[in-house]
Amino acid sequence: MEGHVGIFVDAVNVTMNGGFGLRYDILRKFACRDGLSPARMNVYLAYDERRAEEDQSYREKTSRFCEVLRDFEYKVLEKPLQYYRDEETDEVISQSTVSIDMAVDMITQADHLDKIILLTNNGSYVSVINAVQQKGSRVELIGFDDMPQQLKKEADMYISGYLIPGLLPIDSPYPWGEENSRVRGVCYDFSHEEGYGFFRFLVTLNENLWITDSRFEESPYETVFAHISELEENFDTSYLPSRDLIFEFDLVENEKGLVAEDAVLVSAP
């Protein structure tokens, strides 16, 4: 597939809603997995200038963050926080124009983009996604925690960032998907009578994300057996199966092949 992709990230929003430590190099690989070229890669950063003047650590961390992103060829758009005083409470309130600026850029730049990768959980972007789609661009939404259902439904595709290999740090010395590695996936099938189910996890970033049945050779997913005893203590299995609950688990080899062990819930609606 030839064409152009745009990446639009509300950095603070993502960090505050489960995306702390996000790997922007992996994000770029995910966005370009269909053979697309990155035409726009914009990261919007709400920047507290007052804090930067007083807090050297904040200033230096922000500077390093921006430098790393520019190494990956992202354009960092720093948007200073604005302050105003509430006349009734006399409280000083800060706000940023990130949401508005990013929305305007998405709509105006969509004419030159075949696909847009959007990272935010701001529910007001439902209308923005719709406007971009009307221009002919496909919108893929990546999120972590507290993602509004309507925002997920409006996008052409939604995928939890927890499920993208390497996008977030994971405590494992082994590469994602190999024996003894720790991965994240969903429990798409579960037998309450038998006390076991199956986890599905993504292994390869390619154009076949829609082929979720791992029995097909073209599928980028793998499936592993999971016994109820490997779920964390006191977990309510009545919620299973579910594509909304994200589990982290070990891949362990036994006589049945790779199975899931030590499964812990890491994200839920």
Protein backbone atom coordinates (compact mmCIF):
# COMPACT_ATOMS: atom_id res chain seq x y z
CA MET A 1 0.00 0.00 0.00
CA GLU A 2 1.33 3.40 -0.98
CA GLY A 3 0.25 6.59 0.66
CA HIS A 4 0.80 8.91 3.58
CA VAL A 5 0.07 8.62 7.27
CA GLY A 6 -0.17 11.29 9.94
CA ILE A 7 0.43 10.78 13.66
CA PHE A 8 -1.20 13.12 16.17
CA VAL A 9 -0.43 12.70 19.88
CA ASP A 10 -1.64 14.67 22.89
CA ALA A 11 1.43 13.78 24.95
CA VAL A 12 0.24 14.85 28.41
CA ASN A 13 -3.19 13.28 27.92
CA VAL A 14 -1.61 9.98 26.92
CA THR A 15 0.88 10.01 29.80
CA MET A 16 -1.85 10.75 32.37
CA ASN A 17 -4.11 7.96 31.07
CA GLY A 18 -1.92 4.86 31.11
CA GLY A 19 0.64 5.69 28.41
CA PHE A 20 3.61 6.61 30.61
CA GLY A 21 6.86 5.50 28.96
CA LEU A 22 5.38 5.28 25.46
CA ARG A 23 8.00 4.37 22.83
CA TYR A 24 7.62 6.81 19.98
CA ASP A 25 9.90 4.80 17.69
CA ILE A 26 7.55 1.81 18.03
CA LEU A 27 4.58 4.11 17.44
CA ARG A 28 6.15 5.20 14.16
CA LYS A 29 6.69 1.58 13.11
CA PHE A 30 3.07 0.76 13.94
CA ALA A 31 1.77 3.74 11.96
CA CYS A 32 3.86 2.83 8.89
CA ARG A 33 3.17 -0.92 9.02
CA ASP A 34 1.10 -0.86 5.79
CA GLY A 35 3.98 0.57 3.78
CA LEU A 36 2.82 4.15 4.34
CA SER A 37 5.18 7.10 4.53
CA PRO A 38 4.96 9.45 7.53
CA ALA A 39 3.86 12.81 6.12
CA ARG A 40 3.04 14.36 9.50
CA MET A 41 4.18 13.23 12.95
CA ASN A 42 2.99 15.80 15.47
CA VAL A 43 3.32 15.58 19.23
CA TYR A 44 1.49 18.29 21.16
CA LEU A 45 2.94 19.13 24.55
CA ALA A 46 1.27 21.33 27.12
CA TYR A 47 4.20 23.17 28.69
CA ASP A 48 4.14 24.90 32.06
CA GLU A 49 6.50 27.88 31.63
CA ARG A 50 6.06 29.03 35.23
CA ARG A 51 7.03 25.63 36.56
CA ALA A 52 9.98 25.44 34.15
CA GLU A 53 11.40 28.64 35.61
CA GLU A 54 11.35 27.22 39.14
CA ASP A 55 11.80 23.47 38.59
CA GLN A 56 15.09 22.53 36.94
CA SER A 57 14.19 18.81 36.86
CA TYR A 58 10.93 19.51 35.00
CA ARG A 59 12.73 21.78 32.56
CA GLU A 60 15.47 19.24 31.83
CA LYS A 61 13.11 16.27 31.50
CA THR A 62 10.93 18.20 29.08
CA SER A 63 13.96 19.19 27.04
CA ARG A 64 15.24 15.59 26.85
CA PHE A 65 11.78 14.35 25.90
CA CYS A 66 11.60 16.81 23.01
CA GLU A 67 15.12 15.94 21.84
CA VAL A 68 14.32 12.22 21.71
CA LEU A 69 11.16 12.86 19.70
CA ARG A 70 13.03 15.03 17.22
CA ASP A 71 15.58 12.22 16.78
CA PHE A 72 12.65 10.10 15.56
CA GLU A 73 11.64 12.99 13.23
CA TYR A 74 8.55 14.02 15.19
CA LYS A 75 7.55 17.66 15.21
CA VAL A 76 7.06 18.76 18.83
CA LEU A 77 4.54 21.55 19.26
CA GLU A 78 4.96 23.02 22.72
CA LYS A 79 1.82 24.84 23.83
CA PRO A 80 2.33 27.05 26.91
CA LEU A 81 -0.24 26.78 29.66
CA GLN A 82 -2.40 29.85 30.06
CA TYR A 83 -3.52 31.09 33.47
CA TYR A 84 -6.59 32.96 34.60
CA ARG A 85 -8.17 33.72 37.96
CA ASP A 86 -11.69 32.54 38.81
CA GLU A 87 -13.52 35.66 39.99
CA GLU A 88 -15.83 33.70 42.29
CA THR A 89 -13.28 31.44 44.01
CA ASP A 90 -10.16 33.55 43.40
CA GLU A 91 -8.51 30.29 42.31
CA VAL A 92 -5.80 30.40 39.64
CA ILE A 93 -6.73 27.97 36.86
CA SER A 94 -4.47 26.77 34.07
CA GLN A 95 -5.54 25.58 30.65
CA SER A 96 -3.95 24.63 27.35
CA THR A 97 -4.92 25.02 23.71
CA VAL A 98 -3.54 21.58 22.80
CA SER A 99 -6.96 20.02 22.09
CA ILE A 100 -8.03 22.84 19.80
CA ASP A 101 -4.70 23.15 18.01
CA MET A 102 -4.44 19.42 17.39
CA ALA A 103 -8.02 19.21 16.13
CA VAL A 104 -7.49 22.08 13.69
CA ASP A 105 -4.26 20.53 12.39
CA MET A 106 -5.89 17.14 11.88
CA ILE A 107 -8.74 18.60 9.87
CA THR A 108 -6.60 20.93 7.74
CA GLN A 109 -3.88 18.35 7.07
CA ALA A 110 -6.24 15.42 6.40
CA ASP A 111 -6.50 16.40 2.73
CA HIS A 112 -2.96 15.06 2.25
CA LEU A 113 -3.22 11.98 4.47
CA ASP A 114 -4.56 8.52 3.66
CA LYS A 115 -4.52 7.50 7.31
CA ILE A 116 -4.36 9.25 10.67
CA ILE A 117 -3.11 7.66 13.89
CA LEU A 118 -4.65 9.48 16.86
CA LEU A 119 -3.57 9.17 20.49
CA THR A 120 -5.95 10.81 22.97
CA ASN A 121 -8.89 9.82 25.13
CA ASN A 122 -10.58 13.22 24.79
CA GLY A 123 -14.21 12.47 23.98
CA SER A 124 -14.65 15.77 22.15
CA TYR A 125 -12.64 14.31 19.26
CA VAL A 126 -15.66 12.31 18.07
CA SER A 127 -16.65 15.19 15.78
CA VAL A 128 -13.03 15.69 14.68
CA ILE A 129 -12.71 12.05 13.66
CA ASN A 130 -15.93 12.31 11.70
CA ALA A 131 -14.76 15.46 9.91
CA VAL A 132 -11.47 13.80 8.95
CA GLN A 133 -13.26 10.70 7.68
CA GLN A 134 -15.51 12.88 5.51
CA LYS A 135 -12.32 14.10 3.83
CA GLY A 136 -11.44 10.50 2.96
CA SER A 137 -8.86 9.72 5.64
CA ARG A 138 -8.96 6.53 7.67
CA VAL A 139 -8.60 7.08 11.43
CA GLU A 140 -6.96 4.57 13.76
CA LEU A 141 -7.27 5.35 17.47
CA ILE A 142 -4.75 4.16 20.06
CA GLY A 143 -5.52 4.49 23.77
CA PHE A 144 -4.75 3.04 27.14
CA ASP A 145 -7.08 3.79 30.07
CA ASP A 146 -10.49 5.50 30.34
CA MET A 147 -11.21 5.51 26.61
CA PRO A 148 -14.78 6.74 25.86
CA GLN A 149 -16.84 4.12 24.03
CA GLN A 150 -18.18 6.65 21.53
CA LEU A 151 -14.65 7.68 20.58
CA LYS A 152 -13.74 4.02 19.98
CA LYS A 153 -16.85 3.49 17.87
CA GLU A 154 -16.23 6.57 15.71
CA ALA A 155 -12.71 5.50 14.72
CA ASP A 156 -12.19 3.11 11.82
CA MET A 157 -10.10 0.96 14.13
CA TYR A 158 -9.36 1.08 17.84
CA ILE A 159 -6.50 -0.81 19.46
CA SER A 160 -5.33 -0.63 23.04
CA GLY A 161 -1.75 0.58 23.22
CA TYR A 162 -1.15 -2.09 25.85
CA LEU A 163 -1.48 -4.73 23.11
CA ILE A 164 1.09 -3.28 20.68
CA PRO A 165 4.40 -5.13 21.21
CA GLY A 166 7.02 -2.83 22.69
CA LEU A 167 4.89 0.32 22.74
CA LEU A 168 5.01 0.41 26.55
CA PRO A 169 7.78 -0.93 28.79
CA ILE A 170 7.29 -4.46 30.12
CA ASP A 171 9.28 -6.23 32.82
CA SER A 172 10.80 -9.16 30.94
CA PRO A 173 14.36 -10.05 29.85
CA TYR A 174 13.00 -12.00 26.87
CA PRO A 175 11.67 -10.53 23.60
CA TRP A 176 7.88 -10.21 23.40
CA GLY A 177 6.27 -13.45 22.15
CA GLU A 178 9.16 -15.79 22.87
CA GLU A 179 9.15 -18.55 25.48
CA ASN A 180 9.34 -17.15 29.04
CA SER A 181 8.57 -13.62 27.84
CA ARG A 182 5.81 -11.51 29.35
CA VAL A 183 3.16 -10.14 26.99
CA ARG A 184 -0.25 -8.49 27.07
CA GLY A 185 -3.42 -9.76 25.48
CA VAL A 186 -7.16 -10.35 25.83
CA CYS A 187 -9.19 -13.37 26.91
CA TYR A 188 -11.42 -13.81 23.86
CA ASP A 189 -12.83 -17.23 24.88
CA PHE A 190 -13.59 -18.69 28.31
CA SER A 191 -15.45 -21.78 29.55
CA HIS A 192 -16.98 -21.17 32.97
CA GLU A 193 -17.92 -24.84 33.28
CA GLU A 194 -14.42 -26.13 32.52
CA GLY A 195 -12.49 -23.29 34.18
CA TYR A 196 -10.19 -22.34 31.35
CA GLY A 197 -9.96 -20.00 28.39
CA PHE A 198 -7.69 -18.64 25.68
CA PHE A 199 -5.63 -15.48 25.47
CA ARG A 200 -4.88 -13.75 22.17
CA PHE A 201 -1.86 -11.50 21.80
CA LEU A 202 -0.28 -9.57 18.93
CA VAL A 203 3.14 -10.72 17.75
CA THR A 204 3.82 -8.98 14.44
CA LEU A 205 3.06 -5.45 13.24
CA ASN A 206 1.71 -5.80 9.71
CA GLU A 207 -1.30 -4.97 7.53
CA ASN A 208 -3.26 -8.04 8.70
CA LEU A 209 -4.46 -6.84 12.12
CA TRP A 210 -7.99 -7.67 10.99
CA ILE A 211 -7.12 -11.39 10.77
CA THR A 212 -7.61 -12.08 14.46
CA ASP A 213 -8.01 -15.85 14.06
CA SER A 214 -4.52 -17.15 14.75
CA ARG A 215 -5.26 -20.38 12.90
CA PHE A 216 -4.69 -18.49 9.67
CA GLU A 217 -1.06 -18.31 8.61
CA GLU A 218 -1.40 -14.62 7.69
CA SER A 219 -2.60 -13.69 11.18
CA PRO A 220 -0.20 -11.56 13.25
CA TYR A 221 -1.72 -12.97 16.45
CA GLU A 222 -1.03 -16.02 18.57
CA THR A 223 -3.32 -17.84 20.98
CA VAL A 224 -2.43 -19.59 24.25
CA PHE A 225 -4.31 -21.72 26.75
CA ALA A 226 -5.00 -20.22 30.19
CA HIS A 227 -6.30 -22.12 33.22
CA ILE A 228 -8.42 -20.29 35.80
CA SER A 229 -5.76 -21.01 38.44
CA GLU A 230 -3.35 -18.71 36.58
CA LEU A 231 -5.61 -15.66 36.97
CA GLU A 232 -4.92 -13.35 39.87
CA GLU A 233 -6.63 -14.17 43.15
CA ASN A 234 -10.24 -12.99 43.59
CA PHE A 235 -10.61 -12.02 39.92
CA ASP A 236 -14.30 -12.16 38.92
CA THR A 237 -14.37 -14.47 35.90
CA SER A 238 -17.99 -13.53 35.15
CA TYR A 239 -16.52 -10.68 33.09
CA LEU A 240 -14.86 -13.20 30.74
CA PRO A 241 -14.58 -13.49 27.83
CA SER A 242 -13.86 -9.83 27.09
CA ARG A 243 -11.99 -7.82 24.50
CA ASP A 244 -11.94 -4.80 26.82
CA LEU A 245 -9.98 -6.36 29.69
CA ILE A 246 -6.21 -6.33 29.11
CA PHE A 247 -4.10 -8.97 30.86
CA GLU A 248 -0.35 -9.26 31.25
CA PHE A 249 0.99 -12.82 31.49
CA ASP A 250 4.01 -15.09 31.06
CA LEU A 251 4.40 -17.43 28.10
CA VAL A 252 5.53 -20.77 29.49
CA GLU A 253 6.26 -24.00 27.60
CA ASN A 254 4.73 -27.26 28.85
CA GLU A 255 3.48 -30.51 27.31
CA LYS A 256 0.62 -28.57 25.66
CA GLY A 257 2.95 -26.03 24.10
CA LEU A 258 2.98 -22.36 25.10
CA VAL A 259 0.48 -21.53 27.86
CA ALA A 260 -0.30 -18.42 29.87
CA GLU A 261 0.78 -18.20 33.51
CA ASP A 262 0.65 -15.53 36.21
CA ALA A 263 -2.03 -13.47 34.43
CA VAL A 264 -2.66 -10.02 35.93
CA LEU A 265 -5.30 -7.51 34.87
CA VAL A 266 -3.60 -4.28 33.77
CA SER A 267 -6.47 -2.30 32.23
CA ALA A 268 -10.26 -2.31 32.33
CA PRO A 269 -12.96 0.10 31.06
